[in-house]
C-alpha atoms as a PDB file:
ATOM      1  CA  MET A   1       0.000   0.000   0.000  1.00  0.00           C
ATOM      2  CA  ARG A   2       1.696   3.112   1.247  1.00  0.00           C
ATOM      3  CA  PHE A   3       5.234   1.727   1.184  1.00  0.00           C
ATOM      4  CA  ASP A   4       5.258  -1.242  -1.193  1.00  0.00           C
ATOM      5  CA  ASP A   5       8.322  -0.973  -3.437  1.00  0.00           C
ATOM      6  CA  LYS A   6       9.223   2.582  -2.316  1.00  0.00           C
ATOM      7  CA  ARG A   7       9.367   1.808   1.401  1.00  0.00           C
ATOM      8  CA  TYR A   8      13.080   2.484   1.917  1.00  0.00           C
ATOM      9  CA  GLU A   9      13.007   5.642  -0.185  1.00  0.00           C
ATOM     10  CA  ILE A  10      10.171   7.063   1.936  1.00  0.00           C
ATOM     11  CA  GLU A  11      11.766   6.025   5.221  1.00  0.00           C
ATOM     12  CA  ALA A  12      15.053   7.675   4.183  1.00  0.00           C
ATOM     13  CA  LYS A  13      13.243  10.914   3.318  1.00  0.00           C
ATOM     14  CA  MET A  14      11.436  10.849   6.661  1.00  0.00           C
ATOM     15  CA  GLU A  15      14.728  10.383   8.545  1.00  0.00           C
ATOM     16  CA  ARG A  16      16.360  13.259   6.645  1.00  0.00           C
ATOM     17  CA  GLU A  17      13.191  15.351   7.087  1.00  0.00           C
ATOM     18  CA  VAL A  18      12.963  15.839   3.321  1.00  0.00           C
ATOM     19  CA  PRO A  19       9.501  16.728   1.944  1.00  0.00           C
ATOM     20  CA  LEU A  20       7.572  13.598   1.002  1.00  0.00           C
ATOM     21  CA  PRO A  21       6.226  13.145  -2.546  1.00  0.00           C
ATOM     22  CA  SER A  22       2.595  14.076  -3.192  1.00  0.00           C
ATOM     23  CA  TRP A  23       1.674  10.511  -4.246  1.00  0.00           C
ATOM     24  CA  PHE A  24       2.605   9.348  -0.767  1.00  0.00           C
ATOM     25  CA  LEU A  25       0.806  12.137   1.053  1.00  0.00           C
ATOM     26  CA  ASP A  26      -2.359  11.785  -1.049  1.00  0.00           C
ATOM     27  CA  GLU A  27      -2.871   8.103  -0.269  1.00  0.00           C
ATOM     28  CA  PRO A  28      -5.707   7.531   2.208  1.00  0.00           C
ATOM     29  CA  PRO A  29      -4.649   6.195   5.580  1.00  0.00           C
ATOM     30  CA  GLN A  30      -4.959   2.487   6.196  1.00  0.00           C
ATOM     31  CA  ILE A  31      -7.780   1.583   8.532  1.00  0.00           C
ATOM     32  CA  PRO A  32      -7.130  -0.709  11.485  1.00  0.00           C
ATOM     33  CA  PHE A  33      -7.926  -4.335  10.681  1.00  0.00           C
ATOM     34  CA  GLY A  34      -8.512  -3.452   7.016  1.00  0.00           C
ATOM     35  CA  ASP A  35      -6.375  -6.357   5.816  1.00  0.00           C
ATOM     36  CA  PHE A  36      -8.279  -8.758   8.075  1.00  0.00           C
ATOM     37  CA  PHE A  37     -11.679  -7.736   6.714  1.00  0.00           C
ATOM     38  CA  LEU A  38     -10.545  -7.654   3.066  1.00  0.00           C
ATOM     39  CA  ARG A  39      -8.902 -11.077   3.287  1.00  0.00           C
ATOM     40  CA  HIS A  40     -12.088 -12.603   4.669  1.00  0.00           C
ATOM     41  CA  PHE A  41     -14.292 -10.629   2.255  1.00  0.00           C
ATOM     42  CA  TRP A  42     -12.525 -12.252  -0.711  1.00  0.00           C
ATOM     43  CA  ILE A  43     -12.967 -15.681   0.856  1.00  0.00           C
ATOM     44  CA  LEU A  44     -16.689 -14.972   1.379  1.00  0.00           C
ATOM     45  CA  ASP A  45     -16.938 -13.654  -2.182  1.00  0.00           C
ATOM     46  CA  THR A  46     -16.977 -17.309  -3.251  1.00  0.00           C
ATOM     47  CA  GLU A  47     -20.209 -17.867  -1.277  1.00  0.00           C
ATOM     48  CA  ARG A  48     -22.427 -15.969  -3.710  1.00  0.00           C
ATOM     49  CA  PRO A  49     -25.348 -18.098  -4.939  1.00  0.00           C
ATOM     50  CA  LEU A  50     -24.643 -20.073  -8.140  1.00  0.00           C
ATOM     51  CA  GLY A  51     -25.586 -18.122 -11.221  1.00  0.00           C
ATOM     52  CA  TRP A  52     -25.389 -14.865  -9.248  1.00  0.00           C
ATOM     53  CA  THR A  53     -21.841 -13.843 -10.053  1.00  0.00           C
ATOM     54  CA  HIS A  54     -22.588 -10.364  -8.781  1.00  0.00           C
ATOM     55  CA  GLY A  55     -25.425 -10.993  -6.323  1.00  0.00           C
ATOM     56  CA  ARG A  56     -24.991 -10.235  -2.646  1.00  0.00           C
ATOM     57  CA  ILE A  57     -23.129 -12.530  -0.288  1.00  0.00           C
ATOM     58  CA  PRO A  58     -25.847 -14.067   1.917  1.00  0.00           C
ATOM     59  CA  GLN A  59     -25.783 -12.720   5.462  1.00  0.00           C
ATOM     60  CA  SER A  60     -26.266 -16.247   6.775  1.00  0.00           C
ATOM     61  CA  LYS A  61     -23.003 -17.310   5.082  1.00  0.00           C
ATOM     62  CA  VAL A  62     -21.154 -14.367   6.641  1.00  0.00           C
ATOM     63  CA  ILE A  63     -22.409 -15.214  10.134  1.00  0.00           C
ATOM     64  CA  GLU A  64     -21.702 -18.929   9.669  1.00  0.00           C
ATOM     65  CA  TYR A  65     -18.179 -18.082   8.526  1.00  0.00           C
ATOM     66  CA  ALA A  66     -17.650 -15.785  11.534  1.00  0.00           C
ATOM     67  CA  TYR A  67     -18.550 -18.657  13.853  1.00  0.00           C
ATOM     68  CA  ARG A  68     -16.146 -20.961  11.982  1.00  0.00           C
ATOM     69  CA  LEU A  69     -13.398 -18.362  12.429  1.00  0.00           C
ATOM     70  CA  GLY A  70     -14.025 -18.560  16.142  1.00  0.00           C
ATOM     71  CA  LEU A  71     -14.830 -14.876  16.537  1.00  0.00           C
ATOM     72  CA  PRO A  72     -16.198 -13.896  19.950  1.00  0.00           C
ATOM     73  CA  ALA A  73     -19.988 -13.535  20.021  1.00  0.00           C
ATOM     74  CA  ASP A  74     -19.777  -9.774  20.528  1.00  0.00           C
ATOM     75  CA  MET A  75     -17.687  -9.412  17.323  1.00  0.00           C
ATOM     76  CA  ILE A  76     -19.926 -11.390  14.979  1.00  0.00           C
ATOM     77  CA  ASP A  77     -22.383  -8.546  14.328  1.00  0.00           C
ATOM     78  CA  LEU A  78     -19.522  -6.132  13.639  1.00  0.00           C
ATOM     79  CA  PHE A  79     -17.846  -8.626  11.311  1.00  0.00           C
ATOM     80  CA  ALA A  80     -21.087  -9.181   9.381  1.00  0.00           C
ATOM     81  CA  HIS A  81     -21.786  -5.438   9.202  1.00  0.00           C
ATOM     82  CA  VAL A  82     -18.339  -4.646   7.791  1.00  0.00           C
ATOM     83  CA  ILE A  83     -18.267  -7.551   5.321  1.00  0.00           C
ATOM     84  CA  LEU A  84     -21.758  -6.737   4.005  1.00  0.00           C
ATOM     85  CA  ALA A  85     -20.883  -3.016   3.703  1.00  0.00           C
ATOM     86  CA  VAL A  86     -17.778  -3.911   1.691  1.00  0.00           C
ATOM     87  CA  ASP A  87     -19.946  -6.199  -0.439  1.00  0.00           C
ATOM     88  CA  ARG A  88     -22.409  -3.370  -1.186  1.00  0.00           C
ATOM     89  CA  ALA A  89     -19.529  -1.062  -2.152  1.00  0.00           C
ATOM     90  CA  TYR A  90     -17.993  -3.768  -4.336  1.00  0.00           C
ATOM     91  CA  LEU A  91     -21.273  -4.452  -6.124  1.00  0.00           C
ATOM     92  CA  GLY A  92     -21.726  -0.712  -6.679  1.00  0.00           C
ATOM     93  CA  TRP A  93     -18.270  -0.573  -8.235  1.00  0.00           C
ATOM     94  CA  ILE A  94     -19.073  -3.585 -10.463  1.00  0.00           C
ATOM     95  CA  SER A  95     -22.255  -1.847 -11.613  1.00  0.00           C
ATOM     96  CA  ASP A  96     -20.325   1.338 -12.424  1.00  0.00           C
ATOM     97  CA  GLN A  97     -17.773  -0.650 -14.424  1.00  0.00           C
ATOM     98  CA  ARG A  98     -20.520  -2.335 -16.436  1.00  0.00           C
ATOM     99  CA  GLU A  99     -22.112   1.031 -17.240  1.00  0.00           C
ATOM    100  CA  LYS A 100     -18.766   2.453 -18.368  1.00  0.00           C
ATOM    101  CA  ALA A 101     -18.185  -0.584 -20.594  1.00  0.00           C
ATOM    102  CA  GLN A 102     -21.533  -0.189 -22.385  1.00  0.00           C
ATOM    103  CA  PRO A 103     -21.318   1.499 -25.768  1.00  0.00           C
ATOM    104  CA  PRO A 104     -23.098   4.859 -25.872  1.00  0.00           C
ATOM    105  CA  LYS A 105     -26.748   4.655 -26.839  1.00  0.00           C
ATOM    106  CA  LYS A 106     -27.619   6.175 -30.186  1.00  0.00           C
ATOM    107  CA  VAL A 107     -30.264   8.849 -30.161  1.00  0.00           C
ATOM    108  CA  LYS A 108     -32.807   8.555 -32.992  1.00  0.00           C
END
């Protein structure tokens, strides 16, 4: 993300107190546990109903998966909320990409 292949370059600039490049400063901050939720979102992405390549991940599958992970009971609702919110955002992005890929409609 922020460091990837430029990690040492950025760290050196920070140590020397040299201004950081705009591409580094413009990147949104990483949210705590973001990697955890994204990793499990992509696993749950495979739980979409057959024939529904871009239908929603069933909430029941998310909750079942949370139990299999061994999450504490008080974390299961949060886990489901975050995963389903990411799913809605992902499906919105898919829809936008489909619209952009459509050829423009001809006006008669």
